[in-house]
Every structure is written in structure tokens, then in C-alpha cells.
Amino acid sequence: MDLYSEPIEVELPAGAVTPSPTAFTCRGERHAVVELLSAWQDAGFPSGARRRSWLERRHRNYFRVRTEDESVWEVYLERGSGRRKWYVSRRWNPGEEA
């Protein structure tokens, strides 16, 4: 498993109510999504948060997807504080347990 935690560019289906990526670009390489494996939300608090207010709470939508090369990726949409930015969290190579 490789850890990334870096911003990515994401392609979404037109008119989608709940955005699920159809492709994304990471480190200059485009990855087409062939299967959505799971999706979940994280509204927890970061570790080490000094106070537990809604301002400190995470607002993320996670997606675990399989790409054309059979890799499994975990990407998320950071939607807190009025910003919407996509990140890649981790990657499992083909054959690795996700």
C-alpha cells in the first residue's frame, strides 16, 4: 500500500447529485475508474483537536475505487469551510489486499 495525501484533479459524471469520480489525475497520470467499491462519509474530529466544535470537524466524502490497471485507490472530497477539493489518500497495487 502506498500513502499519498495529496491533491488530485477529478472527473465527475455530468449532472451527478452525489459525486462519484469517473477518472482522476494524480502526479500527471490519468486513472479511469472502472468500479466503485465503497463510499462513506467522515464527520469526525482530527486527532489532537483541542476543542470539539463543528468548525474543527472533518467534512469528507470517501470513495474506494478500482482503476483500469486493477489498482485500488482511496480518494476523498474535502468539503469543509466552503471549499471543495479532492485528494488521494492511498493506493493498493494489483494483488494487494485493500
PDB file of N, CA and C in Angstrom:
ATOM      1  N   MET A   1       0.855  -1.176   0.000  1.00  0.00           N
ATOM      2  CA  MET A   1       0.000   0.000   0.000  1.00  0.00           C
ATOM      3  C   MET A   1       0.897   1.235   0.000  1.00  0.00           C
ATOM      4  N   ASP A   2       0.537   2.201  -0.804  1.00  0.00           N
ATOM      5  CA  ASP A   2       1.254   3.468  -0.878  1.00  0.00           C
ATOM      6  C   ASP A   2       0.373   4.571  -0.305  1.00  0.00           C
ATOM      7  N   LEU A   3       0.941   5.434   0.529  1.00  0.00           N
ATOM      8  CA  LEU A   3       0.210   6.577   1.082  1.00  0.00           C
ATOM      9  C   LEU A   3       0.547   7.820   0.280  1.00  0.00           C
ATOM     10  N   TYR A   4      -0.452   8.631  -0.015  1.00  0.00           N
ATOM     11  CA  TYR A   4      -0.266   9.816  -0.838  1.00  0.00           C
ATOM     12  C   TYR A   4      -0.600  11.101  -0.091  1.00  0.00           C
ATOM     13  N   SER A   5      -1.877  11.291   0.230  1.00  0.00           N
ATOM     14  CA  SER A   5      -2.368  12.503   0.884  1.00  0.00           C
ATOM     15  C   SER A   5      -1.968  13.757   0.113  1.00  0.00           C
ATOM     16  N   GLU A   6      -2.383  13.793  -1.163  1.00  0.00           N
ATOM     17  CA  GLU A   6      -2.088  14.953  -1.989  1.00  0.00           C
ATOM     18  C   GLU A   6      -3.269  15.282  -2.894  1.00  0.00           C
ATOM     19  N   PRO A   7      -3.372  16.556  -3.322  1.00  0.00           N
ATOM     20  CA  PRO A   7      -4.490  16.973  -4.161  1.00  0.00           C
ATOM     21  C   PRO A   7      -4.472  16.300  -5.537  1.00  0.00           C
ATOM     22  N   ILE A   8      -5.666  16.080  -6.078  1.00  0.00           N
ATOM     23  CA  ILE A   8      -5.810  15.491  -7.407  1.00  0.00           C
ATOM     24  C   ILE A   8      -6.888  16.242  -8.174  1.00  0.00           C
ATOM     25  N   GLU A   9      -6.914  16.039  -9.485  1.00  0.00           N
ATOM     26  CA  GLU A   9      -7.992  16.538 -10.334  1.00  0.00           C
ATOM     27  C   GLU A   9      -8.927  15.371 -10.607  1.00  0.00           C
ATOM     28  N   VAL A  10     -10.234  15.619 -10.504  1.00  0.00           N
ATOM     29  CA  VAL A  10     -11.226  14.548 -10.616  1.00  0.00           C
ATOM     30  C   VAL A  10     -12.221  14.861 -11.719  1.00  0.00           C
ATOM     31  N   GLU A  11     -12.597  13.832 -12.474  1.00  0.00           N
ATOM     32  CA  GLU A  11     -13.669  13.934 -13.468  1.00  0.00           C
ATOM     33  C   GLU A  11     -14.915  13.294 -12.861  1.00  0.00           C
ATOM     34  N   LEU A  12     -16.042  13.999 -12.999  1.00  0.00           N
ATOM     35  CA  LEU A  12     -17.311  13.530 -12.435  1.00  0.00           C
ATOM     36  C   LEU A  12     -18.332  13.366 -13.551  1.00  0.00           C
ATOM     37  N   PRO A  13     -19.314  12.480 -13.356  1.00  0.00           N
ATOM     38  CA  PRO A  13     -20.367  12.352 -14.361  1.00  0.00           C
ATOM     39  C   PRO A  13     -21.221  13.614 -14.397  1.00  0.00           C
ATOM     40  N   ALA A  14     -21.664  13.989 -15.577  1.00  0.00           N
ATOM     41  CA  ALA A  14     -22.483  15.193 -15.735  1.00  0.00           C
ATOM     42  C   ALA A  14     -23.802  15.036 -14.986  1.00  0.00           C
ATOM     43  N   GLY A  15     -24.174  16.066 -14.233  1.00  0.00           N
ATOM     44  CA  GLY A  15     -25.450  16.095 -13.543  1.00  0.00           C
ATOM     45  C   GLY A  15     -25.555  15.181 -12.344  1.00  0.00           C
ATOM     46  N   ALA A  16     -24.459  14.697 -11.837  1.00  0.00           N
ATOM     47  CA  ALA A  16     -24.496  13.773 -10.692  1.00  0.00           C
ATOM     48  C   ALA A  16     -24.878  14.510  -9.418  1.00  0.00           C
ATOM     49  N   VAL A  17     -25.822  13.942  -8.666  1.00  0.00           N
ATOM     50  CA  VAL A  17     -26.227  14.520  -7.392  1.00  0.00           C
ATOM     51  C   VAL A  17     -25.171  14.210  -6.333  1.00  0.00           C
ATOM     52  N   THR A  18     -24.789  12.950  -6.220  1.00  0.00           N
ATOM     53  CA  THR A  18     -23.708  12.550  -5.331  1.00  0.00           C
ATOM     54  C   THR A  18     -22.486  12.282  -6.187  1.00  0.00           C
ATOM     55  N   PRO A  19     -21.451  13.107  -6.050  1.00  0.00           N
ATOM     56  CA  PRO A  19     -20.308  12.955  -6.946  1.00  0.00           C
ATOM     57  C   PRO A  19     -19.499  11.707  -6.661  1.00  0.00           C
ATOM     58  N   SER A  20     -19.375  10.857  -7.643  1.00  0.00           N
ATOM     59  CA  SER A  20     -18.510   9.682  -7.566  1.00  0.00           C
ATOM     60  C   SER A  20     -17.571   9.770  -8.759  1.00  0.00           C
ATOM     61  N   PRO A  21     -16.270   9.791  -8.541  1.00  0.00           N
ATOM     62  CA  PRO A  21     -15.339  10.031  -9.638  1.00  0.00           C
ATOM     63  C   PRO A  21     -15.396   8.980 -10.739  1.00  0.00           C
ATOM     64  N   THR A  22     -15.291   9.429 -11.980  1.00  0.00           N
ATOM     65  CA  THR A  22     -15.200   8.530 -13.135  1.00  0.00           C
ATOM     66  C   THR A  22     -13.749   8.401 -13.596  1.00  0.00           C
ATOM     67  N   ALA A  23     -12.925   9.378 -13.222  1.00  0.00           N
ATOM     68  CA  ALA A  23     -11.493   9.356 -13.512  1.00  0.00           C
ATOM     69  C   ALA A  23     -10.829  10.424 -12.652  1.00  0.00           C
ATOM     70  N   PHE A  24      -9.523  10.288 -12.456  1.00  0.00           N
ATOM     71  CA  PHE A  24      -8.780  11.310 -11.731  1.00  0.00           C
ATOM     72  C   PHE A  24      -7.340  11.336 -12.235  1.00  0.00           C
ATOM     73  N   THR A  25      -6.692  12.476 -12.019  1.00  0.00           N
ATOM     74  CA  THR A  25      -5.302  12.649 -12.423  1.00  0.00           C
ATOM     75  C   THR A  25      -4.464  12.854 -11.176  1.00  0.00           C
ATOM     76  N   CYS A  26      -3.472  11.983 -11.008  1.00  0.00           N
ATOM     77  CA  CYS A  26      -2.575  12.029  -9.865  1.00  0.00           C
ATOM     78  C   CYS A  26      -1.143  12.016 -10.389  1.00  0.00           C
ATOM     79  N   ARG A  27      -0.351  13.006  -9.982  1.00  0.00           N
ATOM     80  CA  ARG A  27       1.050  13.106 -10.413  1.00  0.00           C
ATOM     81  C   ARG A  27       1.189  13.068 -11.927  1.00  0.00           C
ATOM     82  N   GLY A  28       0.246  13.743 -12.606  1.00  0.00           N
ATOM     83  CA  GLY A  28       0.298  13.855 -14.055  1.00  0.00           C
ATOM     84  C   GLY A  28      -0.212  12.657 -14.828  1.00  0.00           C
ATOM     85  N   GLU A  29      -0.677  11.620 -14.147  1.00  0.00           N
ATOM     86  CA  GLU A  29      -1.169  10.419 -14.808  1.00  0.00           C
ATOM     87  C   GLU A  29      -2.664  10.259 -14.591  1.00  0.00           C
ATOM     88  N   ARG A  30      -3.406  10.061 -15.684  1.00  0.00           N
ATOM     89  CA  ARG A  30      -4.861   9.901 -15.614  1.00  0.00           C
ATOM     90  C   ARG A  30      -5.207   8.442 -15.322  1.00  0.00           C
ATOM     91  N   HIS A  31      -6.164   8.243 -14.392  1.00  0.00           N
ATOM     92  CA  HIS A  31      -6.623   6.915 -13.993  1.00  0.00           C
ATOM     93  C   HIS A  31      -8.139   6.847 -14.185  1.00  0.00           C
ATOM     94  N   ALA A  32      -8.591   5.976 -15.088  1.00  0.00           N
ATOM     95  CA  ALA A  32     -10.026   5.800 -15.327  1.00  0.00           C
ATOM     96  C   ALA A  32     -10.585   4.822 -14.301  1.00  0.00           C
ATOM     97  N   VAL A  33     -11.696   5.192 -13.673  1.00  0.00           N
ATOM     98  CA  VAL A  33     -12.357   4.348 -12.674  1.00  0.00           C
ATOM     99  C   VAL A  33     -13.250   3.348 -13.396  1.00  0.00           C
ATOM    100  N   VAL A  34     -13.095   2.067 -13.059  1.00  0.00           N
ATOM    101  CA  VAL A  34     -13.931   1.029 -13.667  1.00  0.00           C
ATOM    102  C   VAL A  34     -14.943   0.456 -12.679  1.00  0.00           C
ATOM    103  N   GLU A  35     -14.702   0.686 -11.363  1.00  0.00           N
ATOM    104  CA  GLU A  35     -15.632   0.145 -10.363  1.00  0.00           C
ATOM    105  C   GLU A  35     -15.557   0.962  -9.074  1.00  0.00           C
ATOM    106  N   LEU A  36     -16.727   1.308  -8.547  1.00  0.00           N
ATOM    107  CA  LEU A  36     -16.827   1.922  -7.226  1.00  0.00           C
ATOM    108  C   LEU A  36     -16.975   0.791  -6.225  1.00  0.00           C
ATOM    109  N   LEU A  37     -15.995   0.626  -5.338  1.00  0.00           N
ATOM    110  CA  LEU A  37     -16.007  -0.470  -4.373  1.00  0.00           C
ATOM    111  C   LEU A  37     -16.769  -0.112  -3.106  1.00  0.00           C
ATOM    112  N   SER A  38     -16.614   1.126  -2.640  1.00  0.00           N
ATOM    113  CA  SER A  38     -17.343   1.571  -1.456  1.00  0.00           C
ATOM    114  C   SER A  38     -17.285   3.091  -1.364  1.00  0.00           C
ATOM    115  N   ALA A  39     -18.195   3.637  -0.573  1.00  0.00           N
ATOM    116  CA  ALA A  39     -18.248   5.085  -0.347  1.00  0.00           C
ATOM    117  C   ALA A  39     -18.745   5.322   1.069  1.00  0.00           C
ATOM    118  N   TRP A  40     -18.190   6.335   1.731  1.00  0.00           N
ATOM    119  CA  TRP A  40     -18.610   6.671   3.093  1.00  0.00           C
ATOM    120  C   TRP A  40     -18.262   8.120   3.397  1.00  0.00           C
ATOM    121  N   GLN A  41     -18.838   8.624   4.485  1.00  0.00           N
ATOM    122  CA  GLN A  41     -18.582   9.986   4.932  1.00  0.00           C
ATOM    123  C   GLN A  41     -17.805   9.964   6.236  1.00  0.00           C
ATOM    124  N   ASP A  42     -16.967  10.983   6.428  1.00  0.00           N
ATOM    125  CA  ASP A  42     -16.227  11.154   7.672  1.00  0.00           C
ATOM    126  C   ASP A  42     -16.559  12.531   8.211  1.00  0.00           C
ATOM    127  N   ALA A  43     -17.221  12.558   9.354  1.00  0.00           N
ATOM    128  CA  ALA A  43     -17.561  13.822  10.009  1.00  0.00           C
ATOM    129  C   ALA A  43     -16.935  13.863  11.395  1.00  0.00           C
ATOM    130  N   GLY A  44     -15.844  13.131  11.571  1.00  0.00           N
ATOM    131  CA  GLY A  44     -15.168  13.072  12.861  1.00  0.00           C
ATOM    132  C   GLY A  44     -14.236  14.254  13.082  1.00  0.00           C
ATOM    133  N   PHE A  45     -13.564  14.217  14.199  1.00  0.00           N
ATOM    134  CA  PHE A  45     -12.617  15.269  14.550  1.00  0.00           C
ATOM    135  C   PHE A  45     -11.200  14.783  14.294  1.00  0.00           C
ATOM    136  N   PRO A  46     -10.310  15.668  13.844  1.00  0.00           N
ATOM    137  CA  PRO A  46      -8.927  15.260  13.647  1.00  0.00           C
ATOM    138  C   PRO A  46      -8.286  14.876  14.974  1.00  0.00           C
ATOM    139  N   SER A  47      -7.315  13.986  14.941  1.00  0.00           N
ATOM    140  CA  SER A  47      -6.631  13.619  16.181  1.00  0.00           C
ATOM    141  C   SER A  47      -5.891  14.840  16.709  1.00  0.00           C
ATOM    142  N   GLY A  48      -5.950  15.025  17.998  1.00  0.00           N
ATOM    143  CA  GLY A  48      -5.291  16.168  18.614  1.00  0.00           C
ATOM    144  C   GLY A  48      -6.108  17.443  18.601  1.00  0.00           C
ATOM    145  N   ALA A  49      -7.378  17.374  18.189  1.00  0.00           N
ATOM    146  CA  ALA A  49      -8.222  18.574  18.189  1.00  0.00           C
ATOM    147  C   ALA A  49      -8.402  19.062  19.624  1.00  0.00           C
ATOM    148  N   ARG A  50      -8.138  20.345  19.850  1.00  0.00           N
ATOM    149  CA  ARG A  50      -8.226  20.881  21.214  1.00  0.00           C
ATOM    150  C   ARG A  50      -9.661  21.137  21.639  1.00  0.00           C
ATOM    151  N   ARG A  51     -10.497  21.439  20.702  1.00  0.00           N
ATOM    152  CA  ARG A  51     -11.915  21.632  21.044  1.00  0.00           C
ATOM    153  C   ARG A  51     -12.740  20.881  20.016  1.00  0.00           C
ATOM    154  N   ARG A  52     -13.937  20.563  20.387  1.00  0.00           N
ATOM    155  CA  ARG A  52     -14.783  19.771  19.509  1.00  0.00           C
ATOM    156  C   ARG A  52     -15.966  20.599  19.036  1.00  0.00           C
ATOM    157  N   SER A  53     -15.683  21.533  18.148  1.00  0.00           N
ATOM    158  CA  SER A  53     -16.747  22.349  17.570  1.00  0.00           C
ATOM    159  C   SER A  53     -16.938  21.944  16.108  1.00  0.00           C
ATOM    160  N   TRP A  54     -18.048  22.335  15.532  1.00  0.00           N
ATOM    161  CA  TRP A  54     -18.321  21.967  14.145  1.00  0.00           C
ATOM    162  C   TRP A  54     -17.279  22.561  13.202  1.00  0.00           C
ATOM    163  N   LEU A  55     -16.618  23.640  13.614  1.00  0.00           N
ATOM    164  CA  LEU A  55     -15.577  24.241  12.773  1.00  0.00           C
ATOM    165  C   LEU A  55     -14.356  23.331  12.634  1.00  0.00           C
ATOM    166  N   GLU A  56     -14.101  22.511  13.640  1.00  0.00           N
ATOM    167  CA  GLU A  56     -12.948  21.613  13.621  1.00  0.00           C
ATOM    168  C   GLU A  56     -13.281  20.251  13.006  1.00  0.00           C
ATOM    169  N   ARG A  57     -14.542  19.975  12.824  1.00  0.00           N
ATOM    170  CA  ARG A  57     -14.975  18.669  12.331  1.00  0.00           C
ATOM    171  C   ARG A  57     -14.593  18.483  10.868  1.00  0.00           C
ATOM    172  N   ARG A  58     -14.218  17.258  10.528  1.00  0.00           N
ATOM    173  CA  ARG A  58     -13.962  16.926   9.122  1.00  0.00           C
ATOM    174  C   ARG A  58     -15.282  16.841   8.373  1.00  0.00           C
ATOM    175  N   HIS A  59     -15.230  17.203   7.122  1.00  0.00           N
ATOM    176  CA  HIS A  59     -16.387  17.051   6.233  1.00  0.00           C
ATOM    177  C   HIS A  59     -15.864  16.438   4.943  1.00  0.00           C
ATOM    178  N   ARG A  60     -15.782  15.104   4.935  1.00  0.00           N
ATOM    179  CA  ARG A  60     -15.188  14.407   3.806  1.00  0.00           C
ATOM    180  C   ARG A  60     -16.093  13.294   3.292  1.00  0.00           C
ATOM    181  N   ASN A  61     -16.086  13.131   1.983  1.00  0.00           N
ATOM    182  CA  ASN A  61     -16.731  12.003   1.326  1.00  0.00           C
ATOM    183  C   ASN A  61     -15.620  11.139   0.737  1.00  0.00           C
ATOM    184  N   TYR A  62     -15.534   9.888   1.194  1.00  0.00           N
ATOM    185  CA  TYR A  62     -14.501   8.960   0.735  1.00  0.00           C
ATOM    186  C   TYR A  62     -15.061   8.012  -0.317  1.00  0.00           C
ATOM    187  N   PHE A  63     -14.190   7.622  -1.251  1.00  0.00           N
ATOM    188  CA  PHE A  63     -14.540   6.668  -2.298  1.00  0.00           C
ATOM    189  C   PHE A  63     -13.368   5.706  -2.480  1.00  0.00           C
ATOM    190  N   ARG A  64     -13.652   4.428  -2.427  1.00  0.00           N
ATOM    191  CA  ARG A  64     -12.636   3.422  -2.746  1.00  0.00           C
ATOM    192  C   ARG A  64     -13.007   2.884  -4.124  1.00  0.00           C
ATOM    193  N   VAL A  65     -12.086   3.038  -5.073  1.00  0.00           N
ATOM    194  CA  VAL A  65     -12.371   2.709  -6.472  1.00  0.00           C
ATOM    195  C   VAL A  65     -11.292   1.792  -7.048  1.00  0.00           C
ATOM    196  N   ARG A  66     -11.683   1.044  -8.074  1.00  0.00           N
ATOM    197  CA  ARG A  66     -10.738   0.227  -8.834  1.00  0.00           C
ATOM    198  C   ARG A  66     -10.545   0.912 -10.188  1.00  0.00           C
ATOM    199  N   THR A  67      -9.292   0.981 -10.630  1.00  0.00           N
ATOM    200  CA  THR A  67      -8.983   1.634 -11.900  1.00  0.00           C
ATOM    201  C   THR A  67      -8.664   0.583 -12.971  1.00  0.00           C
ATOM    202  N   GLU A  68      -8.486   1.051 -14.191  1.00  0.00           N
ATOM    203  CA  GLU A  68      -8.256   0.164 -15.331  1.00  0.00           C
ATOM    204  C   GLU A  68      -7.069  -0.779 -15.136  1.00  0.00           C
ATOM    205  N   ASP A  69      -6.056  -0.355 -14.408  1.00  0.00           N
ATOM    206  CA  ASP A  69      -4.875  -1.198 -14.204  1.00  0.00           C
ATOM    207  C   ASP A  69      -5.033  -2.144 -13.008  1.00  0.00           C
ATOM    208  N   GLU A  70      -6.266  -2.243 -12.479  1.00  0.00           N
ATOM    209  CA  GLU A  70      -6.615  -3.131 -11.355  1.00  0.00           C
ATOM    210  C   GLU A  70      -6.096  -2.641 -10.003  1.00  0.00           C
ATOM    211  N   SER A  71      -5.569  -1.414  -9.942  1.00  0.00           N
ATOM    212  CA  SER A  71      -5.184  -0.825  -8.655  1.00  0.00           C
ATOM    213  C   SER A  71      -6.439  -0.376  -7.921  1.00  0.00           C
ATOM    214  N   VAL A  72      -6.368  -0.359  -6.599  1.00  0.00           N
ATOM    215  CA  VAL A  72      -7.459   0.156  -5.776  1.00  0.00           C
ATOM    216  C   VAL A  72      -6.968   1.447  -5.133  1.00  0.00           C
ATOM    217  N   TRP A  73      -7.769   2.488  -5.273  1.00  0.00           N
ATOM    218  CA  TRP A  73      -7.415   3.813  -4.766  1.00  0.00           C
ATOM    219  C   TRP A  73      -8.466   4.284  -3.772  1.00  0.00           C
ATOM    220  N   GLU A  74      -8.045   5.029  -2.784  1.00  0.00           N
ATOM    221  CA  GLU A  74      -8.951   5.701  -1.860  1.00  0.00           C
ATOM    222  C   GLU A  74      -8.790   7.197  -2.097  1.00  0.00           C
ATOM    223  N   VAL A  75      -9.868   7.831  -2.551  1.00  0.00           N
ATOM    224  CA  VAL A  75      -9.862   9.273  -2.800  1.00  0.00           C
ATOM    225  C   VAL A  75     -10.954   9.900  -1.955  1.00  0.00           C
ATOM    226  N   TYR A  76     -10.804  11.184  -1.648  1.00  0.00           N
ATOM    227  CA  TYR A  76     -11.858  11.844  -0.883  1.00  0.00           C
ATOM    228  C   TYR A  76     -12.045  13.284  -1.311  1.00  0.00           C
ATOM    229  N   LEU A  77     -13.275  13.741  -1.092  1.00  0.00           N
ATOM    230  CA  LEU A  77     -13.661  15.126  -1.345  1.00  0.00           C
ATOM    231  C   LEU A  77     -13.699  15.841  -0.012  1.00  0.00           C
ATOM    232  N   GLU A  78     -12.834  16.827   0.144  1.00  0.00           N
ATOM    233  CA  GLU A  78     -12.817  17.683   1.338  1.00  0.00           C
ATOM    234  C   GLU A  78     -13.820  18.796   1.071  1.00  0.00           C
ATOM    235  N   ARG A  79     -14.873  18.856   1.857  1.00  0.00           N
ATOM    236  CA  ARG A  79     -15.925  19.842   1.584  1.00  0.00           C
ATOM    237  C   ARG A  79     -16.179  20.768   2.761  1.00  0.00           C
ATOM    238  N   GLY A  80     -15.228  20.896   3.667  1.00  0.00           N
ATOM    239  CA  GLY A  80     -15.388  21.765   4.829  1.00  0.00           C
ATOM    240  C   GLY A  80     -15.025  23.210   4.543  1.00  0.00           C
ATOM    241  N   SER A  81     -15.527  24.085   5.375  1.00  0.00           N
ATOM    242  CA  SER A  81     -15.225  25.525   5.322  1.00  0.00           C
ATOM    243  C   SER A  81     -15.477  26.152   3.961  1.00  0.00           C
ATOM    244  N   GLY A  82     -16.496  25.686   3.257  1.00  0.00           N
ATOM    245  CA  GLY A  82     -16.872  26.290   1.985  1.00  0.00           C
ATOM    246  C   GLY A  82     -15.968  25.936   0.818  1.00  0.00           C
ATOM    247  N   ARG A  83     -14.978  25.077   1.026  1.00  0.00           N
ATOM    248  CA  ARG A  83     -14.111  24.687  -0.080  1.00  0.00           C
ATOM    249  C   ARG A  83     -14.386  23.248  -0.470  1.00  0.00           C
ATOM    250  N   ARG A  84     -14.176  22.953  -1.711  1.00  0.00           N
ATOM    251  CA  ARG A  84     -14.366  21.594  -2.208  1.00  0.00           C
ATOM    252  C   ARG A  84     -13.106  21.223  -2.981  1.00  0.00           C
ATOM    253  N   LYS A  85     -12.342  20.321  -2.409  1.00  0.00           N
ATOM    254  CA  LYS A  85     -11.089  19.918  -3.025  1.00  0.00           C
ATOM    255  C   LYS A  85     -10.926  18.407  -2.891  1.00  0.00           C
ATOM    256  N   TRP A  86     -10.422  17.776  -3.943  1.00  0.00           N
ATOM    257  CA  TRP A  86     -10.238  16.338  -3.985  1.00  0.00           C
ATOM    258  C   TRP A  86      -8.804  15.964  -3.634  1.00  0.00           C
ATOM    259  N   TYR A  87      -8.657  14.820  -2.932  1.00  0.00           N
ATOM    260  CA  TYR A  87      -7.352  14.306  -2.547  1.00  0.00           C
ATOM    261  C   TYR A  87      -7.311  12.797  -2.782  1.00  0.00           C
ATOM    262  N   VAL A  88      -6.123  12.285  -3.011  1.00  0.00           N
ATOM    263  CA  VAL A  88      -5.910  10.834  -2.994  1.00  0.00           C
ATOM    264  C   VAL A  88      -5.291  10.515  -1.643  1.00  0.00           C
ATOM    265  N   SER A  89      -5.801   9.484  -1.016  1.00  0.00           N
ATOM    266  CA  SER A  89      -5.340   9.099   0.311  1.00  0.00           C
ATOM    267  C   SER A  89      -4.332   7.954   0.239  1.00  0.00           C
ATOM    268  N   ARG A  90      -4.692   6.898  -0.477  1.00  0.00           N
ATOM    269  CA  ARG A  90      -3.802   5.735  -0.573  1.00  0.00           C
ATOM    270  C   ARG A  90      -4.107   4.915  -1.799  1.00  0.00           C
ATOM    271  N   ARG A  91      -3.172   4.017  -2.113  1.00  0.00           N
ATOM    272  CA  ARG A  91      -3.296   3.146  -3.279  1.00  0.00           C
ATOM    273  C   ARG A  91      -2.802   1.750  -2.932  1.00  0.00           C
ATOM    274  N   TRP A  92      -3.563   0.752  -3.368  1.00  0.00           N
ATOM    275  CA  TRP A  92      -3.141  -0.641  -3.260  1.00  0.00           C
ATOM    276  C   TRP A  92      -2.834  -1.123  -4.676  1.00  0.00           C
ATOM    277  N   ASN A  93      -1.686  -1.713  -4.855  1.00  0.00           N
ATOM    278  CA  ASN A  93      -1.296  -2.251  -6.163  1.00  0.00           C
ATOM    279  C   ASN A  93      -2.100  -3.511  -6.471  1.00  0.00           C
ATOM    280  N   PRO A  94      -2.187  -3.889  -7.752  1.00  0.00           N
ATOM    281  CA  PRO A  94      -2.916  -5.109  -8.098  1.00  0.00           C
ATOM    282  C   PRO A  94      -2.394  -6.301  -7.283  1.00  0.00           C
ATOM    283  N   GLY A  95      -3.313  -7.059  -6.703  1.00  0.00           N
ATOM    284  CA  GLY A  95      -2.961  -8.221  -5.908  1.00  0.00           C
ATOM    285  C   GLY A  95      -2.819  -7.956  -4.420  1.00  0.00           C
ATOM    286  N   GLU A  96      -2.682  -6.683  -4.025  1.00  0.00           N
ATOM    287  CA  GLU A  96      -2.600  -6.350  -2.600  1.00  0.00           C
ATOM    288  C   GLU A  96      -4.001  -6.321  -2.001  1.00  0.00           C
ATOM    289  N   GLU A  97      -4.110  -6.676  -0.751  1.00  0.00           N
ATOM    290  CA  GLU A  97      -5.381  -6.657  -0.022  1.00  0.00           C
ATOM    291  C   GLU A  97      -5.734  -5.210   0.333  1.00  0.00           C
ATOM    292  N   ALA A  98      -6.918  -4.780  -0.037  1.00  0.00           N
ATOM    293  CA  ALA A  98      -7.369  -3.415   0.291  1.00  0.00           C
ATOM    294  C   ALA A  98      -8.204  -3.415   1.550  1.00  0.00           C
TER     295      ALA A  98
END
